Amino acid sequence: MTKPNIIAIDGPAASGKSTLGKNLARSLGYLFFDTGVMYRAVTWMVLQRNLDVHNEAAVTTLSREIQIDVNPSSRDDGRACDVLVDGQDITWETRRPEVEAIVSIVSAYAGVRKELAAQQRRIGLRGQVVMVGRDIGTVVLPEADLKIYLDASPEVRARRRYDELVERGDPASYSDILANVIGRDKIDSTRAVAPLRAAKDAVIVDSDKMDIDEVFRYVETLWI
């Protein structure tokens, strides 16, 4: 395979998609675009406006009304990019546990996915991009040159998310995170619109017994 122009990385929550995507983008000099930040941004705004997350019509209307921008990182604080809603930087707010707990509900709504997918696709088709999400290879960019489905067990993924929160100094409970991961997997894989699944032509990578450097080196061998 020649060097891919568009790379799609899909997989369940906390499987290491973002870390792999950032490393690949840095190595290739490509744009790193984690599409999940858009759903997280909508979810944060649902909480800020005290909307009922189960009111699909209200959440869909919100996703249509707000302006979400994803820009190169402007701060050296560990972020991969800036996430802005109507000009307000909410980058770290999108990673808060209360967002994590309900983002799968928001991302399951057909109207929300439709509103955000067009923007995701437009960015991806510019090329020289590593896009990370749950339906990039199957829905948003099925023509991607390289599709990776990165997987790991719920226990391993929960431990990774727990360690991430502890490192940032945020309160965290491993048991709560594990329950959330399992619940989110069920929602993501059974939703009616764009359920989480590997594209038929995706390279499936199980990272349970691989650290992120090993995963990165393996993926690089797919075109080097």
Protein backbone atom coordinates (compact mmCIF):
# COMPACT_ATOMS: atom_id res chain seq x y z
CA MET A 1 0.00 0.00 0.00
CA THR A 2 1.20 3.52 -0.81
CA LYS A 3 1.04 6.13 1.94
CA PRO A 4 -2.68 6.66 2.63
CA ASN A 5 -4.11 10.14 2.08
CA ILE A 6 -7.15 9.55 4.30
CA ILE A 7 -6.94 7.32 7.38
CA ALA A 8 -10.09 6.31 9.26
CA ILE A 9 -9.79 4.89 12.78
CA ASP A 10 -12.89 3.45 14.42
CA GLY A 11 -13.43 1.50 17.62
CA PRO A 12 -15.15 1.53 21.02
CA ALA A 13 -14.62 4.09 23.79
CA ALA A 14 -11.14 4.27 25.35
CA SER A 15 -9.60 1.76 22.93
CA GLY A 16 -6.71 4.13 22.20
CA LYS A 17 -8.06 5.56 18.94
CA SER A 18 -7.20 9.16 19.74
CA THR A 19 -3.66 8.41 20.90
CA LEU A 20 -2.98 6.31 17.82
CA GLY A 21 -4.55 8.95 15.59
CA LYS A 22 -2.48 11.76 17.10
CA ASN A 23 0.73 9.76 16.71
CA LEU A 24 -0.03 8.91 13.10
CA ALA A 25 -1.00 12.49 12.27
CA ARG A 26 2.17 13.82 13.88
CA SER A 27 4.33 11.29 12.02
CA LEU A 28 2.70 12.00 8.65
CA GLY A 29 2.23 15.74 9.10
CA TYR A 30 -1.54 15.29 8.74
CA LEU A 31 -4.53 16.90 10.42
CA PHE A 32 -5.78 14.97 13.46
CA PHE A 33 -9.56 15.11 13.70
CA ASP A 34 -11.35 13.24 16.48
CA THR A 35 -14.96 13.47 15.33
CA GLY A 36 -16.17 12.47 18.78
CA VAL A 37 -15.41 15.99 20.02
CA MET A 38 -18.39 17.23 18.03
CA TYR A 39 -20.81 14.93 19.84
CA ARG A 40 -19.16 15.80 23.14
CA ALA A 41 -19.55 19.49 22.37
CA VAL A 42 -23.27 19.05 21.72
CA THR A 43 -23.58 17.01 24.93
CA TRP A 44 -21.83 19.69 26.99
CA MET A 45 -24.21 22.30 25.61
CA VAL A 46 -27.19 20.07 26.44
CA LEU A 47 -26.00 20.10 30.04
CA GLN A 48 -25.27 23.82 30.03
CA ARG A 49 -28.74 24.65 28.71
CA ASN A 50 -30.45 22.17 31.04
CA LEU A 51 -32.09 20.33 28.17
CA ASP A 52 -33.57 16.87 28.57
CA VAL A 53 -31.02 14.60 26.90
CA HIS A 54 -33.86 12.18 26.08
CA ASN A 55 -35.69 14.86 24.06
CA GLU A 56 -34.35 13.98 20.64
CA ALA A 57 -36.02 16.89 18.86
CA ALA A 58 -34.57 19.46 21.26
CA VAL A 59 -31.06 17.98 21.10
CA THR A 60 -31.18 17.81 17.30
CA THR A 61 -32.30 21.43 17.10
CA LEU A 62 -29.44 22.42 19.40
CA SER A 63 -26.91 20.61 17.19
CA ARG A 64 -28.21 22.56 14.21
CA GLU A 65 -28.11 25.94 15.96
CA ILE A 66 -24.66 25.93 17.57
CA GLN A 67 -21.43 26.51 15.65
CA ILE A 68 -18.75 23.93 16.42
CA ASP A 69 -15.18 24.57 15.31
CA VAL A 70 -12.16 22.29 15.62
CA ASN A 71 -8.84 24.08 15.22
CA PRO A 72 -5.16 23.27 15.72
CA SER A 73 -4.12 23.37 19.37
CA SER A 74 -3.42 26.88 20.65
CA ARG A 75 -2.19 25.80 24.09
CA ASP A 76 0.50 23.46 25.35
CA ASP A 77 -1.70 21.73 27.92
CA GLY A 78 -2.01 18.26 26.41
CA ARG A 79 -4.90 18.99 24.07
CA ALA A 80 -4.77 17.69 20.50
CA CYS A 81 -6.91 20.52 19.16
CA ASP A 82 -9.13 23.41 20.24
CA VAL A 83 -12.85 22.69 20.44
CA LEU A 84 -14.98 25.82 20.21
CA VAL A 85 -18.73 26.28 20.49
CA ASP A 86 -19.92 29.68 19.33
CA GLY A 87 -16.38 30.95 19.89
CA GLN A 88 -16.04 29.59 23.45
CA ASP A 89 -13.20 27.17 24.18
CA ILE A 90 -14.72 24.04 25.76
CA THR A 91 -11.89 21.63 24.95
CA TRP A 92 -11.49 20.11 28.40
CA GLU A 93 -15.17 20.38 29.29
CA THR A 94 -15.86 17.81 26.56
CA ARG A 95 -13.84 15.24 28.54
CA ARG A 96 -15.72 15.61 31.82
CA PRO A 97 -17.36 12.50 33.37
CA GLU A 98 -20.87 13.95 33.12
CA VAL A 99 -20.37 14.32 29.37
CA GLU A 100 -18.94 10.81 29.15
CA ALA A 101 -22.01 9.41 30.89
CA ILE A 102 -24.56 10.58 28.30
CA VAL A 103 -22.68 11.29 25.07
CA SER A 104 -23.77 7.96 23.56
CA ILE A 105 -27.40 9.01 23.93
CA VAL A 106 -26.71 12.20 21.98
CA SER A 107 -24.61 10.47 19.33
CA ALA A 108 -27.34 7.88 18.71
CA TYR A 109 -29.81 10.48 17.45
CA ALA A 110 -30.19 10.33 13.68
CA GLY A 111 -30.74 14.07 13.36
CA VAL A 112 -27.62 14.92 15.35
CA ARG A 113 -25.50 12.49 13.34
CA LYS A 114 -26.82 13.95 10.10
CA GLU A 115 -26.06 17.52 11.18
CA LEU A 116 -22.50 16.67 12.16
CA ALA A 117 -21.61 14.07 9.52
CA ALA A 118 -21.66 16.52 6.62
CA GLN A 119 -19.08 18.75 8.31
CA GLN A 120 -16.93 15.75 9.21
CA ARG A 121 -16.99 14.49 5.64
CA ARG A 122 -16.14 17.91 4.20
CA ILE A 123 -13.05 18.13 6.40
CA GLY A 124 -12.00 14.57 5.65
CA LEU A 125 -12.23 14.91 1.89
CA ARG A 126 -9.57 17.62 1.98
CA GLY A 127 -7.12 14.77 2.45
CA GLN A 128 -3.97 14.40 4.53
CA VAL A 129 -6.14 13.66 7.53
CA VAL A 130 -6.42 11.06 10.27
CA MET A 131 -10.05 10.87 11.35
CA VAL A 132 -11.09 9.10 14.52
CA GLY A 133 -14.61 8.07 15.50
CA ARG A 134 -17.09 5.21 15.51
CA ASP A 135 -18.50 5.33 11.99
CA ILE A 136 -15.78 6.95 9.90
CA GLY A 137 -14.94 3.91 7.80
CA THR A 138 -18.54 2.74 7.54
CA VAL A 139 -20.53 5.97 7.09
CA VAL A 140 -18.60 9.25 7.04
CA LEU A 141 -15.69 8.28 4.77
CA PRO A 142 -16.20 4.76 3.39
CA GLU A 143 -13.71 5.64 0.64
CA ALA A 144 -10.86 6.18 3.13
CA ASP A 145 -7.56 4.76 1.88
CA LEU A 146 -6.84 2.94 5.14
CA LYS A 147 -9.41 1.84 7.72
CA ILE A 148 -8.36 0.69 11.18
CA TYR A 149 -10.72 -0.83 13.76
CA LEU A 150 -8.95 -0.59 17.13
CA ASP A 151 -10.40 -2.80 19.85
CA ALA A 152 -9.67 -3.81 23.47
CA SER A 153 -11.59 -5.47 26.30
CA PRO A 154 -13.87 -3.30 28.50
CA GLU A 155 -11.61 -3.89 31.51
CA VAL A 156 -8.48 -2.68 29.73
CA ARG A 157 -10.29 0.33 28.31
CA ALA A 158 -11.75 1.29 31.69
CA ARG A 159 -8.30 1.12 33.28
CA ARG A 160 -6.90 3.42 30.58
CA ARG A 161 -9.65 5.99 31.10
CA TYR A 162 -9.22 5.78 34.90
CA ASP A 163 -5.47 6.39 34.61
CA GLU A 164 -6.10 9.36 32.28
CA LEU A 165 -8.44 11.02 34.78
CA VAL A 166 -6.14 10.38 37.75
CA GLU A 167 -3.18 11.82 35.87
CA ARG A 168 -5.15 15.02 35.29
CA GLY A 169 -6.13 15.17 38.95
CA ASP A 170 -9.83 14.54 38.32
CA PRO A 171 -11.86 12.34 40.71
CA ALA A 172 -12.33 8.86 39.29
CA SER A 173 -13.80 5.47 40.21
CA TYR A 174 -12.64 2.44 38.22
CA SER A 175 -15.86 0.51 38.90
CA ASP A 176 -18.00 3.42 37.74
CA ILE A 177 -15.90 3.88 34.62
CA LEU A 178 -16.09 0.16 33.79
CA ALA A 179 -19.86 0.19 34.15
CA ASN A 180 -20.02 3.24 31.90
CA VAL A 181 -17.78 1.62 29.27
CA ILE A 182 -19.92 -1.52 29.18
CA GLY A 183 -23.11 0.50 28.98
CA ARG A 184 -21.71 2.72 26.28
CA ASP A 185 -20.61 -0.28 24.22
CA LYS A 186 -24.18 -1.59 24.29
CA ILE A 187 -25.63 1.74 23.19
CA ASP A 188 -23.03 2.27 20.47
CA SER A 189 -23.34 -1.22 19.00
CA THR A 190 -27.14 -1.45 19.04
CA ARG A 191 -28.23 2.03 17.95
CA ALA A 192 -30.42 2.11 14.87
CA VAL A 193 -28.33 4.72 13.05
CA ALA A 194 -24.68 3.99 12.20
CA PRO A 195 -24.05 1.35 14.89
CA LEU A 196 -20.47 0.72 15.95
CA ARG A 197 -18.96 -1.99 13.78
CA ALA A 198 -15.83 -2.63 11.77
CA ALA A 199 -15.92 -1.85 8.07
CA LYS A 200 -15.64 -4.97 5.94
CA ASP A 201 -12.26 -3.88 4.61
CA ALA A 202 -10.89 -2.56 7.92
CA VAL A 203 -7.72 -3.86 9.53
CA ILE A 204 -8.79 -5.06 12.99
CA VAL A 205 -6.24 -4.45 15.76
CA ASP A 206 -6.75 -5.92 19.26
CA SER A 207 -4.68 -3.79 21.64
CA ASP A 208 -5.31 -5.73 24.86
CA LYS A 209 -1.71 -6.95 24.98
CA MET A 210 -0.11 -4.12 23.02
CA ASP A 211 0.97 -0.74 24.28
CA ILE A 212 0.35 2.31 22.13
CA ASP A 213 3.87 2.30 20.67
CA GLU A 214 3.44 -1.29 19.52
CA VAL A 215 0.09 -0.46 17.94
CA PHE A 216 1.62 2.56 16.19
CA ARG A 217 4.54 0.57 14.81
CA TYR A 218 2.23 -2.17 13.57
CA VAL A 219 -0.07 0.26 11.76
CA GLU A 220 2.92 1.95 10.12
CA THR A 221 3.95 -1.39 8.61
CA LEU A 222 0.71 -1.41 6.63
CA TRP A 223 2.21 1.03 4.12
CA ILE A 224 5.95 1.20 4.86
